[in-house]
Protein backbone atom coordinates (compact mmCIF):
# COMPACT_ATOMS: atom_id res chain seq x y z
CA UNK A 1 91.01 144.40 65.42
CA UNK A 2 93.51 146.83 66.94
CA UNK A 3 95.24 146.46 70.30
CA UNK A 4 92.78 148.62 72.20
CA UNK A 5 89.81 146.70 70.85
CA UNK A 6 91.50 143.39 71.67
CA UNK A 7 92.30 144.49 75.23
CA UNK A 8 88.68 145.59 75.74
CA UNK A 9 87.35 142.27 74.49
CA UNK A 10 85.71 140.20 77.29
CA UNK A 11 87.88 137.15 76.50
CA UNK A 12 91.07 139.21 76.74
CA UNK A 13 89.96 140.62 80.09
CA UNK A 14 89.36 137.12 81.40
CA UNK A 15 92.83 136.02 80.25
CA UNK A 16 94.47 139.03 81.89
CA UNK A 17 92.62 138.40 85.15
CA UNK A 18 93.72 134.75 85.20
CA UNK A 19 97.33 135.74 84.45
CA UNK A 20 97.20 138.32 87.24
CA UNK A 21 95.84 135.74 89.70
CA UNK A 22 98.58 133.26 88.77
CA UNK A 23 101.30 135.90 89.16
CA UNK A 24 99.91 136.95 92.54
CA UNK A 25 99.81 133.27 93.56
CA UNK A 26 103.52 132.76 92.90
CA UNK A 27 104.43 136.01 94.65
CA UNK A 28 102.29 135.29 97.71
CA UNK A 29 103.53 131.69 97.90
CA UNK A 30 107.18 132.77 97.76
CA UNK A 31 106.65 135.47 100.40
CA UNK A 32 104.60 133.15 102.60
CA UNK A 33 107.15 130.34 102.51
CA UNK A 34 109.91 132.85 103.28
CA UNK A 35 108.02 134.26 106.25
CA UNK A 36 107.28 130.77 107.58
CA UNK A 37 110.95 129.79 107.25
CA UNK A 38 112.00 132.97 109.05
CA UNK A 39 109.53 132.32 111.87
CA UNK A 40 110.77 128.78 112.47
CA UNK A 41 114.43 129.77 112.18
CA UNK A 42 114.14 131.78 115.39
CA UNK A 43 115.20 129.49 118.29
CA UNK A 44 113.06 131.40 120.76
CA UNK A 45 109.86 130.92 118.77
CA UNK A 46 109.20 127.32 119.87
CA UNK A 47 110.97 125.26 122.48
CA UNK A 48 111.86 122.24 120.36
CA UNK A 49 114.82 120.56 118.72
CA UNK A 50 116.10 121.89 115.43
CA UNK A 51 114.93 118.71 113.68
CA UNK A 52 111.43 119.24 115.08
CA UNK A 53 111.44 122.88 113.93
CA UNK A 54 112.54 121.85 110.43
CA UNK A 55 109.75 119.27 110.28
CA UNK A 56 107.10 121.75 111.40
CA UNK A 57 108.44 124.35 108.98
CA UNK A 58 108.24 121.93 106.05
CA UNK A 59 104.72 120.84 106.99
CA UNK A 60 103.48 124.42 107.47
CA UNK A 61 104.85 125.43 104.09
CA UNK A 62 103.10 122.47 102.43
CA UNK A 63 99.76 123.25 104.06
CA UNK A 64 100.12 126.93 103.14
CA UNK A 65 100.78 126.03 99.50
CA UNK A 66 97.79 123.66 99.32
CA UNK A 67 95.40 126.21 100.84
CA UNK A 68 96.69 128.96 98.56
CA UNK A 69 96.34 126.70 95.52
CA UNK A 70 92.73 125.93 96.46
CA UNK A 71 91.94 129.65 96.76
CA UNK A 72 93.52 130.32 93.36
CA UNK A 73 91.53 127.50 91.75
CA UNK A 74 88.26 128.87 93.18
CA UNK A 75 89.16 132.39 92.04
CA UNK A 76 89.89 131.25 88.49
CA UNK A 77 86.60 129.34 88.34
CA UNK A 78 84.78 132.47 89.47
CA UNK A 79 86.55 134.54 86.78
CA UNK A 80 85.47 132.00 84.18
CA UNK A 81 81.88 132.58 85.24
CA UNK A 82 81.19 129.43 87.20
CA UNK A 83 78.69 129.69 90.04
CA UNK A 84 80.65 128.47 93.04
CA UNK A 85 77.56 127.97 95.23
CA UNK A 86 76.34 124.77 93.54
CA UNK A 87 79.94 123.61 93.10
CA UNK A 88 80.69 123.91 96.80
CA UNK A 89 77.29 122.44 97.72
CA UNK A 90 77.93 119.44 95.51
CA UNK A 91 81.47 119.02 96.78
CA UNK A 92 80.25 116.58 99.42
CA UNK A 93 78.58 114.31 96.88
CA UNK A 94 81.50 114.53 94.47
CA UNK A 95 83.93 113.97 97.33
CA UNK A 96 82.08 110.84 98.35
CA UNK A 97 82.22 109.49 94.81
CA UNK A 98 85.86 110.37 94.36
CA UNK A 99 86.70 109.07 97.82
CA UNK A 100 86.25 105.46 96.75
CA UNK A 101 88.95 106.00 94.13
CA UNK A 102 91.16 108.08 96.38
CA UNK A 103 91.59 105.71 99.30
CA UNK A 104 95.34 105.76 98.78
CA UNK A 105 95.42 109.54 99.21
CA UNK A 106 93.33 109.32 102.38
CA UNK A 107 95.66 106.63 103.69
CA UNK A 108 98.66 108.87 102.92
CA UNK A 109 97.16 111.76 104.88
CA UNK A 110 96.14 109.64 107.89
CA UNK A 111 99.53 107.90 108.06
CA UNK A 112 101.35 111.21 107.66
CA UNK A 113 99.33 112.69 110.50
CA UNK A 114 100.32 109.93 112.91
CA UNK A 115 103.96 110.00 111.77
CA UNK A 116 104.00 113.67 112.78
CA UNK A 117 101.93 113.24 115.92
CA UNK A 118 104.06 110.40 117.28
CA UNK A 119 107.33 112.00 116.06
CA UNK A 120 108.46 108.74 114.50
CA UNK A 121 110.74 110.68 112.17
CA UNK A 122 111.83 114.27 111.67
CA UNK A 123 113.68 116.27 109.06
CA UNK A 124 117.37 115.41 109.25
CA UNK A 125 116.87 111.95 110.77
CA UNK A 126 118.63 108.91 109.32
CA UNK A 127 115.85 106.37 108.84
CA UNK A 128 114.86 103.14 107.15
CA UNK A 129 111.26 103.54 105.99
CA UNK A 130 109.20 102.33 103.07
CA UNK A 131 112.05 100.14 101.85
CA UNK A 132 114.42 103.14 101.65
CA UNK A 133 117.47 104.14 103.74
CA UNK A 134 118.56 107.74 103.95
CA UNK A 135 118.12 111.19 105.48
CA UNK A 136 114.64 112.71 105.77
CA UNK A 137 114.57 115.95 103.77
CA UNK A 138 110.86 116.74 103.89
CA UNK A 139 107.90 115.32 105.75
CA UNK A 140 104.39 116.04 104.49
CA UNK A 141 100.88 114.70 104.92
CA UNK A 142 101.02 112.88 101.57
CA UNK A 143 104.66 112.00 100.89
CA UNK A 144 107.96 111.80 102.71
CA UNK A 145 111.16 112.78 100.89
CA UNK A 146 114.21 110.70 101.82
CA UNK A 147 117.66 111.38 100.38
CA UNK A 148 119.62 108.16 99.86
CA UNK A 149 123.33 108.05 100.57
CA UNK A 150 124.03 107.80 96.84
CA UNK A 151 122.27 111.14 96.34
CA UNK A 152 118.95 109.76 95.08
CA UNK A 153 115.87 111.60 96.34
CA UNK A 154 113.10 109.09 97.12
CA UNK A 155 109.45 110.20 97.16
CA UNK A 156 107.81 107.71 99.51
CA UNK A 157 103.98 107.74 99.81
CA UNK A 158 103.16 107.72 103.50
CA UNK A 159 100.90 104.68 103.09
CA UNK A 160 104.00 102.64 102.14
CA UNK A 161 105.65 103.39 105.49
CA UNK A 162 104.51 100.37 107.47
CA UNK A 163 107.28 100.72 110.05
CA UNK A 164 110.10 103.18 110.73
CA UNK A 165 113.63 102.36 111.88
CA UNK A 166 115.00 105.64 113.19
CA UNK A 167 118.79 105.51 113.51
CA UNK A 168 119.08 109.07 114.82
CA UNK A 169 117.70 108.70 118.33
CA UNK A 170 120.41 108.48 120.96
CA UNK A 171 123.97 107.24 120.66
CA UNK A 172 124.97 104.73 118.00
CA UNK A 173 127.37 101.78 117.99
CA UNK A 174 130.46 101.43 115.87
CA UNK A 175 131.03 97.75 115.13
CA UNK A 176 134.19 96.41 113.50
CA UNK A 177 134.84 92.75 112.68
CA UNK A 178 138.45 91.81 111.96
CA UNK A 179 138.97 88.60 109.99
CA UNK A 180 142.12 86.67 110.87
CA UNK A 181 143.32 83.92 108.49
CA UNK A 182 143.79 80.39 109.80
CA UNK A 183 147.58 80.63 109.78
CA UNK A 184 147.71 83.19 112.60
CA UNK A 185 147.32 82.36 116.27
CA UNK A 186 144.14 83.71 117.85
CA UNK A 187 145.79 84.87 121.08
CA UNK A 188 148.45 86.80 119.16
CA UNK A 189 145.81 88.39 116.95
CA UNK A 190 143.76 89.44 119.96
CA UNK A 191 146.84 90.93 121.58
CA UNK A 192 147.67 92.82 118.36
CA UNK A 193 144.18 94.33 118.16
CA UNK A 194 144.23 95.37 121.83
CA UNK A 195 147.69 96.95 121.43
CA UNK A 196 146.51 98.83 118.33
CA UNK A 197 143.59 100.33 120.25
CA UNK A 198 145.54 101.30 123.36
CA UNK A 199 145.26 105.03 123.71
CA UNK A 200 143.00 105.28 120.66
CA UNK A 201 140.61 108.22 120.84
CA UNK A 202 138.16 110.00 118.59
CA UNK A 203 136.10 113.12 119.37
CA UNK A 204 132.88 111.29 118.46
CA UNK A 205 133.45 108.30 120.79
CA UNK A 206 131.24 108.25 123.87
CA UNK A 207 132.72 105.06 125.33
CA UNK A 208 135.15 102.37 124.19
CA UNK A 209 136.46 100.98 121.96
CA UNK A 210 136.26 97.54 123.52
CA UNK A 211 137.62 94.29 122.13
CA UNK A 212 134.87 91.75 122.77
CA UNK A 213 136.89 88.77 121.59
CA UNK A 214 136.28 86.04 119.04
CA UNK A 215 132.91 86.50 117.36
CA UNK A 216 133.05 83.52 115.00
CA UNK A 217 135.44 80.81 113.81
CA UNK A 218 134.85 78.63 110.76
CA UNK A 219 138.35 77.05 110.83
CA UNK A 220 139.27 79.11 107.73
CA UNK A 221 139.06 82.53 109.35
CA UNK A 222 138.60 83.83 112.87
CA UNK A 223 136.57 86.99 113.40
CA UNK A 224 137.46 89.37 116.23
CA UNK A 225 134.83 91.95 117.15
CA UNK A 226 135.45 95.50 118.37
CA UNK A 227 132.67 97.87 119.44
CA UNK A 228 132.45 101.49 120.57
CA UNK A 229 129.57 103.79 121.47
CA UNK A 230 129.57 106.95 119.37
CA UNK A 231 127.64 110.13 118.79
CA UNK A 232 124.79 109.91 116.34
CA UNK A 233 125.75 109.66 112.64
CA UNK A 234 129.45 109.37 113.54
CA UNK A 235 129.63 105.58 113.79
CA UNK A 236 130.96 105.10 110.25
CA UNK A 237 133.81 107.57 110.73
CA UNK A 238 134.82 105.84 113.97
CA UNK A 239 134.67 102.41 112.32
CA UNK A 240 137.01 103.61 109.55
CA UNK A 241 139.51 104.98 112.07
CA UNK A 242 139.45 101.76 114.10
CA UNK A 243 140.16 99.68 111.00
CA UNK A 244 142.94 102.09 110.05
CA UNK A 245 144.83 101.89 113.34
CA UNK A 246 144.49 98.10 113.49
CA UNK A 247 145.86 97.83 109.95
CA UNK A 248 148.72 100.16 110.78
CA UNK A 249 149.63 98.07 113.81
CA UNK A 250 149.48 94.87 111.78
CA UNK A 251 151.73 96.35 109.08
CA UNK A 252 154.20 97.60 111.69
CA UNK A 253 154.49 94.15 113.29
CA UNK A 254 154.90 92.50 109.89
CA UNK A 255 157.63 94.96 108.96
CA UNK A 256 159.55 94.37 112.20
CA UNK A 257 159.36 90.61 111.73
CA UNK A 258 160.74 90.93 108.19
CA UNK A 259 163.58 93.13 109.40
């Protein structure tokens, strides 16, 4: 069989049609996702926060991909010669049968819907959800993608998200506990911490820092607590700077005593 005869063979025509449909699918999906991203990247399109826009963009792209994939699957079945009428008519019966084994999927979709409706989390939020801590990278009807601080990308089924702790709503609190050994006087340690923080400033601090006083004392160590209100996601940087200036003040006093 030569090339022309092979190309004119019914089986070869079916293969070429399926390949063409698959190629068109990838092209249309790429263009569609790009157009959706461009639409949501325009601030004037929707009056909403950037996190909200990112969440809606991610969800719209997911829905677009699922719908497009369904159309491609139906097209390929039609190319293969299947009669789609009985298939679509029996979809309800098949769906009912499959539904008993797909309760987890239904639960994912329902939970995902309410997570979006109630805005419990959005793309870019720092959350604790489904036993995972990290930054939300993608929010869909079936799964939520959370990037852990060690770089791990967690795929969390929405049904596993029983509660959400969103750490990205409003200002946060920087909390620093300074442990003082038993050999040092508490009043002198408190005075040292207050002196270290006099004039201390950081661009992310909203108010404070404030030395609350002795937080705990187990006769072996005394813990002095310092707090400050900070901008969201900046609490760790402020905590590091507070520890740094207190340590520098302690070292300076120790050096002067030795001299």
